[in-house]
Amino acid sequence: MQRVDEGPIAADLTRYLEGVEFPALKHDVIQALRHNGAPDLVVEKVHELPVTEFASIDHLQSVYQEAREFDPSPRDGRAP
C-alpha cells in the first residue's frame, strides 16, 4: 500500500467519480473529482494527463497509473 504522501493509487479514483458517465471528457472528470472531494494531488494529476477523453473508468485508471509510474515523485511541496 502506498503512503498517503505518495498519492492515491489508480484504484482509489473510483470513490471520487460518482456521477461520471463514460466516455467522459477530462474537464468533466476533473469537475466530478472536485465535487466529490478528491485530494488536490489527484485533481492535479488528472489535469496533467495527456488524454482529453476517457473511454471508460478502466481507461482513466490505466492512464493515471502510467503517469504515477512515470513520475512517482510527490507533488505536495515537500523535499524528497
Protein backbone atom coordinates (compact mmCIF):
# COMPACT_ATOMS: atom_id res chain seq x y z
CA MET A 1 0.00 0.00 0.00
CA GLN A 2 1.31 3.42 -0.89
CA ARG A 3 1.89 6.05 1.78
CA VAL A 4 -0.54 8.97 1.84
CA ASP A 5 2.16 11.44 0.77
CA GLU A 6 2.77 9.45 -2.42
CA GLY A 7 -0.82 9.98 -3.58
CA PRO A 8 -3.59 7.51 -4.18
CA ILE A 9 -3.26 4.55 -6.45
CA ALA A 10 -5.40 4.38 -9.59
CA ALA A 11 -8.00 2.12 -7.97
CA ASP A 12 -8.70 4.87 -5.42
CA LEU A 13 -10.04 7.12 -8.19
CA THR A 14 -13.38 5.30 -8.32
CA ARG A 15 -14.52 6.71 -4.99
CA TYR A 16 -14.26 10.25 -6.39
CA LEU A 17 -16.01 9.60 -9.71
CA GLU A 18 -19.62 9.36 -8.60
CA GLY A 19 -21.89 10.81 -11.27
CA VAL A 20 -19.42 10.47 -14.14
CA GLU A 21 -20.70 8.71 -17.24
CA PHE A 22 -18.14 7.30 -19.64
CA PRO A 23 -16.96 8.12 -22.18
CA ALA A 24 -16.12 11.35 -20.37
CA LEU A 25 -14.13 14.46 -21.18
CA LYS A 26 -11.22 15.27 -18.89
CA HIS A 27 -12.95 18.51 -17.89
CA ASP A 28 -15.99 16.56 -16.67
CA VAL A 29 -13.81 14.11 -14.76
CA ILE A 30 -11.98 16.97 -13.04
CA GLN A 31 -15.28 18.63 -12.09
CA ALA A 32 -16.52 15.36 -10.56
CA LEU A 33 -13.25 14.85 -8.69
CA ARG A 34 -13.53 18.32 -7.14
CA HIS A 35 -17.24 17.93 -6.38
CA ASN A 36 -16.64 14.56 -4.70
CA GLY A 37 -13.79 15.80 -2.51
CA ALA A 38 -10.79 14.28 -4.25
CA PRO A 39 -7.41 15.39 -2.89
CA ASP A 40 -5.79 18.27 -4.78
CA LEU A 41 -2.97 15.91 -5.80
CA VAL A 42 -5.43 13.66 -7.63
CA VAL A 43 -7.09 16.58 -9.42
CA GLU A 44 -3.67 17.94 -10.43
CA LYS A 45 -2.50 14.56 -11.74
CA VAL A 46 -5.65 14.06 -13.82
CA HIS A 47 -5.33 17.62 -15.15
CA GLU A 48 -1.75 16.85 -16.25
CA LEU A 49 -2.70 13.67 -18.14
CA PRO A 50 -2.15 13.91 -21.92
CA VAL A 51 -5.57 12.39 -22.64
CA THR A 52 -8.60 14.67 -23.19
CA GLU A 53 -11.30 11.97 -23.22
CA PHE A 54 -11.57 8.71 -21.31
CA ALA A 55 -13.45 5.81 -22.89
CA SER A 56 -14.08 4.11 -19.56
CA ILE A 57 -13.11 4.18 -15.92
CA ASP A 58 -10.58 1.44 -16.71
CA HIS A 59 -9.02 3.70 -19.34
CA LEU A 60 -8.77 6.57 -16.84
CA GLN A 61 -7.24 4.32 -14.19
CA SER A 62 -4.72 2.92 -16.67
CA VAL A 63 -3.57 6.34 -17.87
CA TYR A 64 -3.45 7.66 -14.29
CA GLN A 65 -1.36 4.70 -13.11
CA GLU A 66 1.03 5.04 -16.05
CA ALA A 67 1.55 8.70 -15.14
CA ARG A 68 2.23 7.75 -11.49
CA GLU A 69 4.78 5.15 -12.59
CA PHE A 70 6.46 7.60 -14.96
CA ASP A 71 6.65 10.38 -12.33
CA PRO A 72 6.33 8.84 -8.85
CA SER A 73 7.61 11.92 -7.02
CA PRO A 74 5.23 13.51 -4.52
CA ARG A 75 3.84 16.90 -5.52
CA ASP A 76 2.99 18.18 -2.08
CA GLY A 77 5.75 20.78 -1.88
CA ARG A 78 7.99 18.81 0.46
CA ALA A 79 11.55 17.94 -0.37
CA PRO A 80 12.18 14.25 -1.03
